[in-house]
PDB file of N, CA and C in Angstrom:
ATOM      1  N   UNK A   1      13.214  -2.905   4.169  1.00  0.00           N
ATOM      2  CA  UNK A   1      12.883  -1.862   4.959  1.00  0.00           C
ATOM      3  C   UNK A   1      13.534  -1.877   6.192  1.00  0.00           C
ATOM      4  N   UNK A   2      14.519  -0.889   6.602  1.00  0.00           N
ATOM      5  CA  UNK A   2      15.341  -1.088   7.992  1.00  0.00           C
ATOM      6  C   UNK A   2      14.579  -0.782   9.148  1.00  0.00           C
ATOM      7  N   UNK A   3      14.648  -1.588  10.159  1.00  0.00           N
ATOM      8  CA  UNK A   3      14.009  -1.419  11.350  1.00  0.00           C
ATOM      9  C   UNK A   3      14.787  -0.306  12.158  1.00  0.00           C
ATOM     10  N   UNK A   4      14.040   0.406  13.293  1.00  0.00           N
ATOM     11  CA  UNK A   4      14.631   1.165  13.969  1.00  0.00           C
ATOM     12  C   UNK A   4      14.519   0.552  15.324  1.00  0.00           C
ATOM     13  N   UNK A   5      15.629   1.035  16.350  1.00  0.00           N
ATOM     14  CA  UNK A   5      15.489   0.400  17.446  1.00  0.00           C
ATOM     15  C   UNK A   5      14.940   1.236  18.618  1.00  0.00           C
ATOM     16  N   UNK A   6      14.983   2.356  18.238  1.00  0.00           N
ATOM     17  CA  UNK A   6      14.458   3.462  19.378  1.00  0.00           C
ATOM     18  C   UNK A   6      13.118   3.705  19.249  1.00  0.00           C
ATOM     19  N   UNK A   7      12.073   3.282  20.343  1.00  0.00           N
ATOM     20  CA  UNK A   7      10.851   3.212  20.279  1.00  0.00           C
ATOM     21  C   UNK A   7      10.472   4.808  20.608  1.00  0.00           C
ATOM     22  N   UNK A   8       9.478   5.288  19.669  1.00  0.00           N
ATOM     23  CA  UNK A   8       8.833   6.567  19.804  1.00  0.00           C
ATOM     24  C   UNK A   8       7.471   6.537  20.486  1.00  0.00           C
ATOM     25  N   UNK A   9       7.470   6.852  21.847  1.00  0.00           N
ATOM     26  CA  UNK A   9       6.187   7.079  22.549  1.00  0.00           C
ATOM     27  C   UNK A   9       5.304   7.992  21.829  1.00  0.00           C
ATOM     28  N   UNK A  10       4.015   7.510  21.639  1.00  0.00           N
ATOM     29  CA  UNK A  10       3.036   8.354  20.994  1.00  0.00           C
ATOM     30  C   UNK A  10       2.102   8.899  22.198  1.00  0.00           C
ATOM     31  N   UNK A  11       1.568  10.165  21.844  1.00  0.00           N
ATOM     32  CA  UNK A  11       0.873  10.828  22.952  1.00  0.00           C
ATOM     33  C   UNK A  11      -0.625  10.398  22.959  1.00  0.00           C
ATOM     34  N   UNK A  12      -0.950   9.625  22.113  1.00  0.00           N
ATOM     35  CA  UNK A  12      -2.367   9.013  21.878  1.00  0.00           C
ATOM     36  C   UNK A  12      -2.398   7.787  21.043  1.00  0.00           C
ATOM     37  N   UNK A  13      -3.239   7.137  20.976  1.00  0.00           N
ATOM     38  CA  UNK A  13      -3.565   5.847  20.068  1.00  0.00           C
ATOM     39  C   UNK A  13      -2.425   4.856  20.254  1.00  0.00           C
ATOM     40  N   UNK A  14      -2.289   4.300  21.351  1.00  0.00           N
ATOM     41  CA  UNK A  14      -1.294   3.188  21.701  1.00  0.00           C
ATOM     42  C   UNK A  14      -2.151   1.850  21.963  1.00  0.00           C
ATOM     43  N   UNK A  15      -1.732   0.959  21.152  1.00  0.00           N
ATOM     44  CA  UNK A  15      -2.505  -0.484  21.279  1.00  0.00           C
ATOM     45  C   UNK A  15      -1.301  -1.535  21.756  1.00  0.00           C
ATOM     46  N   UNK A  16      -1.999  -2.693  22.083  1.00  0.00           N
ATOM     47  CA  UNK A  16      -1.073  -3.770  22.347  1.00  0.00           C
ATOM     48  C   UNK A  16      -1.501  -4.962  21.382  1.00  0.00           C
ATOM     49  N   UNK A  17      -0.567  -5.809  21.027  1.00  0.00           N
ATOM     50  CA  UNK A  17      -0.751  -7.029  20.215  1.00  0.00           C
ATOM     51  C   UNK A  17      -1.465  -7.963  21.158  1.00  0.00           C
ATOM     52  N   UNK A  18      -2.705  -8.629  20.946  1.00  0.00           N
ATOM     53  CA  UNK A  18      -3.114  -9.697  21.857  1.00  0.00           C
ATOM     54  C   UNK A  18      -2.444 -11.095  21.808  1.00  0.00           C
ATOM     55  N   UNK A  19      -2.038 -11.228  20.590  1.00  0.00           N
ATOM     56  CA  UNK A  19      -1.570 -12.722  20.236  1.00  0.00           C
ATOM     57  C   UNK A  19      -0.119 -12.727  20.243  1.00  0.00           C
ATOM     58  N   UNK A  20       0.385 -13.763  20.317  1.00  0.00           N
ATOM     59  CA  UNK A  20       1.856 -13.990  20.044  1.00  0.00           C
ATOM     60  C   UNK A  20       2.350 -13.818  18.579  1.00  0.00           C
ATOM     61  N   UNK A  21       3.512 -13.124  18.341  1.00  0.00           N
ATOM     62  CA  UNK A  21       3.871 -13.090  16.739  1.00  0.00           C
ATOM     63  C   UNK A  21       4.686 -14.417  16.552  1.00  0.00           C
ATOM     64  N   UNK A  22       4.704 -14.862  15.395  1.00  0.00           N
ATOM     65  CA  UNK A  22       5.521 -15.838  14.814  1.00  0.00           C
ATOM     66  C   UNK A  22       6.498 -15.682  13.992  1.00  0.00           C
ATOM     67  N   UNK A  23       6.952 -14.377  14.049  1.00  0.00           N
ATOM     68  CA  UNK A  23       7.857 -13.710  13.227  1.00  0.00           C
ATOM     69  C   UNK A  23       8.949 -13.266  13.951  1.00  0.00           C
ATOM     70  N   UNK A  24      10.093 -13.065  13.431  1.00  0.00           N
ATOM     71  CA  UNK A  24      11.160 -12.426  14.088  1.00  0.00           C
ATOM     72  C   UNK A  24      10.726 -10.808  14.508  1.00  0.00           C
ATOM     73  N   UNK A  25      10.941 -10.430  15.623  1.00  0.00           N
ATOM     74  CA  UNK A  25      10.520  -9.128  15.843  1.00  0.00           C
ATOM     75  C   UNK A  25      10.998  -7.827  15.163  1.00  0.00           C
ATOM     76  N   UNK A  26      12.049  -7.913  14.380  1.00  0.00           N
ATOM     77  CA  UNK A  26      12.409  -6.815  13.434  1.00  0.00           C
ATOM     78  C   UNK A  26      11.672  -6.996  12.150  1.00  0.00           C
ATOM     79  N   UNK A  27      11.316  -8.164  11.702  1.00  0.00           N
ATOM     80  CA  UNK A  27      10.497  -8.543  10.731  1.00  0.00           C
ATOM     81  C   UNK A  27       9.122  -8.059  10.919  1.00  0.00           C
ATOM     82  N   UNK A  28       8.581  -8.302  12.056  1.00  0.00           N
ATOM     83  CA  UNK A  28       7.324  -7.987  12.477  1.00  0.00           C
ATOM     84  C   UNK A  28       7.030  -6.400  12.373  1.00  0.00           C
ATOM     85  N   UNK A  29       8.102  -5.749  13.068  1.00  0.00           N
ATOM     86  CA  UNK A  29       8.302  -4.194  13.030  1.00  0.00           C
ATOM     87  C   UNK A  29       8.090  -3.695  11.506  1.00  0.00           C
ATOM     88  N   UNK A  30       9.109  -4.413  10.683  1.00  0.00           N
ATOM     89  CA  UNK A  30       9.036  -3.914   9.345  1.00  0.00           C
ATOM     90  C   UNK A  30       7.870  -3.952   8.411  1.00  0.00           C
ATOM     91  N   UNK A  31       7.157  -5.307   8.784  1.00  0.00           N
ATOM     92  CA  UNK A  31       5.750  -5.408   8.262  1.00  0.00           C
ATOM     93  C   UNK A  31       4.842  -4.454   8.762  1.00  0.00           C
ATOM     94  N   UNK A  32       4.744  -3.893   9.922  1.00  0.00           N
ATOM     95  CA  UNK A  32       3.799  -3.027  10.525  1.00  0.00           C
ATOM     96  C   UNK A  32       3.938  -1.556   9.810  1.00  0.00           C
ATOM     97  N   UNK A  33       4.953  -1.263  10.145  1.00  0.00           N
ATOM     98  CA  UNK A  33       5.560   0.126   9.423  1.00  0.00           C
ATOM     99  C   UNK A  33       5.253   0.142   8.006  1.00  0.00           C
ATOM    100  N   UNK A  34       5.638  -0.749   7.173  1.00  0.00           N
ATOM    101  CA  UNK A  34       5.364  -0.967   5.781  1.00  0.00           C
ATOM    102  C   UNK A  34       3.722  -0.853   5.667  1.00  0.00           C
ATOM    103  N   UNK A  35       3.218  -1.546   6.199  1.00  0.00           N
ATOM    104  CA  UNK A  35       1.404  -1.466   5.967  1.00  0.00           C
ATOM    105  C   UNK A  35       1.055  -0.106   6.387  1.00  0.00           C
ATOM    106  N   UNK A  36       1.457   0.684   7.444  1.00  0.00           N
ATOM    107  CA  UNK A  36       1.032   2.023   7.850  1.00  0.00           C
ATOM    108  C   UNK A  36       1.320   2.997   6.583  1.00  0.00           C
ATOM    109  N   UNK A  37       2.512   2.904   6.169  1.00  0.00           N
ATOM    110  CA  UNK A  37       2.952   3.823   5.175  1.00  0.00           C
ATOM    111  C   UNK A  37       2.481   3.516   3.809  1.00  0.00           C
ATOM    112  N   UNK A  38       2.124   2.306   3.512  1.00  0.00           N
ATOM    113  CA  UNK A  38       1.441   2.176   2.257  1.00  0.00           C
ATOM    114  C   UNK A  38      -0.111   2.422   2.184  1.00  0.00           C
ATOM    115  N   UNK A  39      -0.592   2.161   3.362  1.00  0.00           N
ATOM    116  CA  UNK A  39      -2.065   2.535   3.544  1.00  0.00           C
ATOM    117  C   UNK A  39      -2.351   4.034   3.728  1.00  0.00           C
ATOM    118  N   UNK A  40      -1.548   4.811   4.504  1.00  0.00           N
ATOM    119  CA  UNK A  40      -1.732   5.973   4.990  1.00  0.00           C
ATOM    120  C   UNK A  40      -0.855   6.933   4.552  1.00  0.00           C
ATOM    121  N   UNK A  41       0.097   6.687   3.814  1.00  0.00           N
ATOM    122  CA  UNK A  41       1.064   7.699   3.132  1.00  0.00           C
ATOM    123  C   UNK A  41       2.517   7.542   3.677  1.00  0.00           C
ATOM    124  N   UNK A  42       3.250   8.045   3.006  1.00  0.00           N
ATOM    125  CA  UNK A  42       4.756   8.027   3.510  1.00  0.00           C
ATOM    126  C   UNK A  42       5.081   9.002   4.767  1.00  0.00           C
ATOM    127  N   UNK A  43       4.234   9.870   5.142  1.00  0.00           N
ATOM    128  CA  UNK A  43       4.173  10.645   6.356  1.00  0.00           C
ATOM    129  C   UNK A  43       3.600  10.233   7.428  1.00  0.00           C
ATOM    130  N   UNK A  44       3.090   9.000   7.336  1.00  0.00           N
ATOM    131  CA  UNK A  44       2.683   8.405   8.412  1.00  0.00           C
ATOM    132  C   UNK A  44       3.395   7.836   9.501  1.00  0.00           C
ATOM    133  N   UNK A  45       3.069   7.735  10.713  1.00  0.00           N
ATOM    134  CA  UNK A  45       4.130   7.370  11.914  1.00  0.00           C
ATOM    135  C   UNK A  45       3.571   6.141  12.290  1.00  0.00           C
ATOM    136  N   UNK A  46       4.517   5.232  12.480  1.00  0.00           N
ATOM    137  CA  UNK A  46       4.278   3.896  13.052  1.00  0.00           C
ATOM    138  C   UNK A  46       5.491   3.455  13.842  1.00  0.00           C
ATOM    139  N   UNK A  47       5.053   2.522  14.715  1.00  0.00           N
ATOM    140  CA  UNK A  47       6.229   1.821  15.532  1.00  0.00           C
ATOM    141  C   UNK A  47       5.702   0.446  16.232  1.00  0.00           C
ATOM    142  N   UNK A  48       6.447  -0.386  16.504  1.00  0.00           N
ATOM    143  CA  UNK A  48       6.015  -1.692  16.918  1.00  0.00           C
ATOM    144  C   UNK A  48       7.293  -2.138  17.740  1.00  0.00           C
ATOM    145  N   UNK A  49       7.043  -2.457  19.247  1.00  0.00           N
ATOM    146  CA  UNK A  49       8.021  -2.687  20.006  1.00  0.00           C
ATOM    147  C   UNK A  49       7.531  -3.379  21.258  1.00  0.00           C
ATOM    148  N   UNK A  50       8.391  -4.369  21.648  1.00  0.00           N
ATOM    149  CA  UNK A  50       8.295  -5.278  22.870  1.00  0.00           C
ATOM    150  C   UNK A  50       8.386  -4.193  24.141  1.00  0.00           C
ATOM    151  N   UNK A  51       7.412  -4.256  25.040  1.00  0.00           N
ATOM    152  CA  UNK A  51       7.659  -3.706  26.206  1.00  0.00           C
ATOM    153  C   UNK A  51       7.780  -4.717  27.343  1.00  0.00           C
ATOM    154  N   UNK A  52       9.184  -4.884  27.829  1.00  0.00           N
ATOM    155  CA  UNK A  52       9.472  -6.042  28.616  1.00  0.00           C
ATOM    156  C   UNK A  52       8.805  -5.818  30.052  1.00  0.00           C
ATOM    157  N   UNK A  53       8.413  -4.777  30.589  1.00  0.00           N
ATOM    158  CA  UNK A  53       7.986  -4.617  31.874  1.00  0.00           C
ATOM    159  C   UNK A  53       6.669  -5.057  31.957  1.00  0.00           C
ATOM    160  N   UNK A  54       5.954  -4.878  30.705  1.00  0.00           N
ATOM    161  CA  UNK A  54       4.458  -5.330  30.825  1.00  0.00           C
ATOM    162  C   UNK A  54       4.251  -6.527  29.893  1.00  0.00           C
ATOM    163  N   UNK A  55       5.317  -7.194  29.259  1.00  0.00           N
ATOM    164  CA  UNK A  55       5.321  -8.398  28.597  1.00  0.00           C
ATOM    165  C   UNK A  55       4.157  -8.512  27.380  1.00  0.00           C
ATOM    166  N   UNK A  56       4.180  -7.272  26.415  1.00  0.00           N
ATOM    167  CA  UNK A  56       3.402  -7.208  25.351  1.00  0.00           C
ATOM    168  C   UNK A  56       4.114  -6.368  24.341  1.00  0.00           C
ATOM    169  N   UNK A  57       3.703  -6.744  23.059  1.00  0.00           N
ATOM    170  CA  UNK A  57       4.220  -5.934  21.932  1.00  0.00           C
ATOM    171  C   UNK A  57       3.181  -4.595  21.857  1.00  0.00           C
ATOM    172  N   UNK A  58       3.914  -3.441  21.922  1.00  0.00           N
ATOM    173  CA  UNK A  58       2.951  -2.207  21.643  1.00  0.00           C
ATOM    174  C   UNK A  58       3.124  -1.831  20.451  1.00  0.00           C
ATOM    175  N   UNK A  59       2.006  -1.117  19.815  1.00  0.00           N
ATOM    176  CA  UNK A  59       2.123  -0.558  18.343  1.00  0.00           C
ATOM    177  C   UNK A  59       1.144   0.585  18.082  1.00  0.00           C
ATOM    178  N   UNK A  60       1.468   1.207  17.111  1.00  0.00           N
ATOM    179  CA  UNK A  60       0.553   2.255  16.755  1.00  0.00           C
ATOM    180  C   UNK A  60       0.700   2.524  15.270  1.00  0.00           C
ATOM    181  N   UNK A  61      -0.224   3.110  14.610  1.00  0.00           N
ATOM    182  CA  UNK A  61      -0.139   3.787  13.279  1.00  0.00           C
ATOM    183  C   UNK A  61      -1.038   5.154  13.076  1.00  0.00           C
ATOM    184  N   UNK A  62      -0.251   6.349  12.984  1.00  0.00           N
ATOM    185  CA  UNK A  62      -0.859   7.433  12.872  1.00  0.00           C
ATOM    186  C   UNK A  62      -0.761   8.086  11.596  1.00  0.00           C
ATOM    187  N   UNK A  63      -1.825   8.569  11.071  1.00  0.00           N
ATOM    188  CA  UNK A  63      -1.910   9.347   9.663  1.00  0.00           C
ATOM    189  C   UNK A  63      -1.141  10.648  10.101  1.00  0.00           C
ATOM    190  N   UNK A  64      -0.581  11.338   9.119  1.00  0.00           N
ATOM    191  CA  UNK A  64       0.102  12.532   9.412  1.00  0.00           C
ATOM    192  C   UNK A  64      -0.745  13.560  10.013  1.00  0.00           C
ATOM    193  N   UNK A  65      -0.346  14.325  11.129  1.00  0.00           N
ATOM    194  CA  UNK A  65      -1.261  15.213  11.819  1.00  0.00           C
ATOM    195  C   UNK A  65      -1.051  14.866  13.191  1.00  0.00           C
ATOM    196  N   UNK A  66      -1.076  15.708  14.119  1.00  0.00           N
ATOM    197  CA  UNK A  66      -1.061  15.699  15.565  1.00  0.00           C
ATOM    198  C   UNK A  66      -2.414  15.636  16.248  1.00  0.00           C
ATOM    199  N   UNK A  67      -3.071  14.914  15.806  1.00  0.00           N
ATOM    200  CA  UNK A  67      -4.540  14.861  16.519  1.00  0.00           C
ATOM    201  C   UNK A  67      -4.884  13.415  16.514  1.00  0.00           C
ATOM    202  N   UNK A  68      -5.792  13.282  17.647  1.00  0.00           N
ATOM    203  CA  UNK A  68      -6.261  11.853  18.039  1.00  0.00           C
ATOM    204  C   UNK A  68      -6.901  11.395  17.051  1.00  0.00           C
ATOM    205  N   UNK A  69      -7.572  11.988  15.794  1.00  0.00           N
ATOM    206  CA  UNK A  69      -8.286  11.479  14.762  1.00  0.00           C
ATOM    207  C   UNK A  69      -7.477  10.867  13.686  1.00  0.00           C
ATOM    208  N   UNK A  70      -6.226  11.115  13.950  1.00  0.00           N
ATOM    209  CA  UNK A  70      -5.338  10.612  12.984  1.00  0.00           C
ATOM    210  C   UNK A  70      -4.781   9.175  13.398  1.00  0.00           C
ATOM    211  N   UNK A  71      -5.193   8.679  14.441  1.00  0.00           N
ATOM    212  CA  UNK A  71      -4.930   7.165  15.002  1.00  0.00           C
ATOM    213  C   UNK A  71      -5.567   6.179  13.994  1.00  0.00           C
ATOM    214  N   UNK A  72      -4.878   5.466  13.334  1.00  0.00           N
ATOM    215  CA  UNK A  72      -5.379   4.574  12.165  1.00  0.00           C
ATOM    216  C   UNK A  72      -5.059   3.028  12.494  1.00  0.00           C
ATOM    217  N   UNK A  73      -4.655   2.909  13.595  1.00  0.00           N
ATOM    218  CA  UNK A  73      -4.172   1.628  14.171  1.00  0.00           C
ATOM    219  C   UNK A  73      -5.081   0.451  13.884  1.00  0.00           C
ATOM    220  N   UNK A  74      -6.522   0.545  14.443  1.00  0.00           N
ATOM    221  CA  UNK A  74      -7.612  -0.345  14.293  1.00  0.00           C
ATOM    222  C   UNK A  74      -7.784  -0.784  12.842  1.00  0.00           C
ATOM    223  N   UNK A  75      -7.676   0.264  11.851  1.00  0.00           N
ATOM    224  CA  UNK A  75      -7.927   0.021  10.439  1.00  0.00           C
ATOM    225  C   UNK A  75      -6.577  -0.498   9.880  1.00  0.00           C
ATOM    226  N   UNK A  76      -5.580  -0.169  10.293  1.00  0.00           N
ATOM    227  CA  UNK A  76      -4.285  -0.649   9.746  1.00  0.00           C
ATOM    228  C   UNK A  76      -4.082  -2.358  10.111  1.00  0.00           C
ATOM    229  N   UNK A  77      -4.604  -2.574  11.140  1.00  0.00           N
ATOM    230  CA  UNK A  77      -4.292  -4.164  11.551  1.00  0.00           C
ATOM    231  C   UNK A  77      -5.098  -5.023  10.428  1.00  0.00           C
ATOM    232  N   UNK A  78      -6.227  -4.559   9.887  1.00  0.00           N
ATOM    233  CA  UNK A  78      -6.913  -5.199   8.951  1.00  0.00           C
ATOM    234  C   UNK A  78      -6.058  -5.300   7.563  1.00  0.00           C
ATOM    235  N   UNK A  79      -5.508  -4.072   7.297  1.00  0.00           N
ATOM    236  CA  UNK A  79      -4.615  -4.126   6.033  1.00  0.00           C
ATOM    237  C   UNK A  79      -3.488  -4.793   6.121  1.00  0.00           C
ATOM    238  N   UNK A  80      -2.752  -4.683   7.326  1.00  0.00           N
ATOM    239  CA  UNK A  80      -1.605  -5.576   7.470  1.00  0.00           C
ATOM    240  C   UNK A  80      -1.955  -7.162   7.437  1.00  0.00           C
ATOM    241  N   UNK A  81      -3.006  -7.522   7.932  1.00  0.00           N
ATOM    242  CA  UNK A  81      -3.421  -8.877   8.002  1.00  0.00           C
ATOM    243  C   UNK A  81      -3.683  -9.347   6.360  1.00  0.00           C
ATOM    244  N   UNK A  82      -4.536  -8.635   5.891  1.00  0.00           N
ATOM    245  CA  UNK A  82      -4.929  -9.179   4.597  1.00  0.00           C
ATOM    246  C   UNK A  82      -3.868  -8.562   3.453  1.00  0.00           C
ATOM    247  N   UNK A  83      -3.084  -7.860   3.488  1.00  0.00           N
ATOM    248  CA  UNK A  83      -2.300  -7.276   2.497  1.00  0.00           C
ATOM    249  C   UNK A  83      -0.752  -7.309   2.524  1.00  0.00           C
ATOM    250  N   UNK A  84      -0.260  -7.372   3.783  1.00  0.00           N
ATOM    251  CA  UNK A  84       1.297  -7.269   4.068  1.00  0.00           C
ATOM    252  C   UNK A  84       1.823  -8.578   4.699  1.00  0.00           C
ATOM    253  N   UNK A  85       1.077  -9.217   5.477  1.00  0.00           N
ATOM    254  CA  UNK A  85       1.792 -10.475   6.414  1.00  0.00           C
ATOM    255  C   UNK A  85       1.536 -11.589   5.271  1.00  0.00           C
ATOM    256  N   UNK A  86       2.572 -12.386   5.374  1.00  0.00           N
ATOM    257  CA  UNK A  86       2.185 -13.734   4.770  1.00  0.00           C
ATOM    258  C   UNK A  86       1.108 -14.294   5.399  1.00  0.00           C
ATOM    259  N   UNK A  87       0.404 -15.058   4.336  1.00  0.00           N
ATOM    260  CA  UNK A  87      -1.008 -15.797   4.870  1.00  0.00           C
ATOM    261  C   UNK A  87      -0.985 -16.618   6.230  1.00  0.00           C
ATOM    262  N   UNK A  88       0.146 -17.201   6.273  1.00  0.00           N
ATOM    263  CA  UNK A  88       0.135 -18.223   7.213  1.00  0.00           C
ATOM    264  C   UNK A  88       0.431 -17.323   8.753  1.00  0.00           C
ATOM    265  N   UNK A  89       0.649 -16.139   8.590  1.00  0.00           N
ATOM    266  CA  UNK A  89       1.162 -15.425   9.716  1.00  0.00           C
ATOM    267  C   UNK A  89       0.039 -14.222  10.017  1.00  0.00           C
ATOM    268  N   UNK A  90      -0.898 -14.204   9.181  1.00  0.00           N
ATOM    269  CA  UNK A  90      -1.801 -13.137   9.299  1.00  0.00           C
ATOM    270  C   UNK A  90      -3.110 -13.142  10.273  1.00  0.00           C
ATOM    271  N   UNK A  91      -2.589 -13.253  11.370  1.00  0.00           N
ATOM    272  CA  UNK A  91      -3.635 -13.424  12.494  1.00  0.00           C
ATOM    273  C   UNK A  91      -3.333 -12.481  13.740  1.00  0.00           C
ATOM    274  N   UNK A  92      -3.044 -11.391  13.397  1.00  0.00           N
ATOM    275  CA  UNK A  92      -2.904 -10.270  14.426  1.00  0.00           C
ATOM    276  C   UNK A  92      -4.081  -9.736  14.994  1.00  0.00           C
ATOM    277  N   UNK A  93      -4.283  -9.459  16.231  1.00  0.00           N
ATOM    278  CA  UNK A  93      -5.450  -9.039  17.040  1.00  0.00           C
ATOM    279  C   UNK A  93      -5.003  -8.094  17.820  1.00  0.00           C
ATOM    280  N   UNK A  94      -5.532  -6.682  17.932  1.00  0.00           N
ATOM    281  CA  UNK A  94      -4.927  -5.690  19.008  1.00  0.00           C
ATOM    282  C   UNK A  94      -6.069  -5.360  19.813  1.00  0.00           C
ATOM    283  N   UNK A  95      -5.406  -4.656  20.877  1.00  0.00           N
ATOM    284  CA  UNK A  95      -6.464  -3.971  22.052  1.00  0.00           C
ATOM    285  C   UNK A  95      -5.988  -2.616  22.424  1.00  0.00           C
ATOM    286  N   UNK A  96      -6.695  -1.444  22.424  1.00  0.00           N
ATOM    287  CA  UNK A  96      -6.511  -0.137  22.847  1.00  0.00           C
ATOM    288  C   UNK A  96      -5.849  -0.230  24.083  1.00  0.00           C
ATOM    289  N   UNK A  97      -4.986   0.723  24.397  1.00  0.00           N
ATOM    290  CA  UNK A  97      -4.415   0.831  25.774  1.00  0.00           C
ATOM    291  C   UNK A  97      -4.602   2.304  26.107  1.00  0.00           C
ATOM    292  N   UNK A  98      -4.879   2.315  27.368  1.00  0.00           N
ATOM    293  CA  UNK A  98      -5.035   3.684  28.064  1.00  0.00           C
ATOM    294  C   UNK A  98      -3.662   4.356  28.120  1.00  0.00           C
ATOM    295  N   UNK A  99      -3.517   5.722  27.764  1.00  0.00           N
ATOM    296  CA  UNK A  99      -2.446   6.504  27.900  1.00  0.00           C
ATOM    297  C   UNK A  99      -2.451   7.483  29.226  1.00  0.00           C
TER     298      UNK A  99
END
């Protein structure tokens, strides 16, 4: 799966990764997007990127549809930890960010 370099800022449902990743950033991005589209469908929107000014990784997973109820990030973190990431890397924890 190819990684995209252009961050797409969501209007709702933005989260930050609370722990450090032990993967290459592109690999982490690809695992995150893969998990979101596997779990929530090919039209789901997801992104994962480093915010240099804030010093954290931001991420989100939104089911198709432009409404706040489509934010599936908190559910997707469990899916990614248990079904997508290699077992030794499956320790991601997240925290919601105010927009």
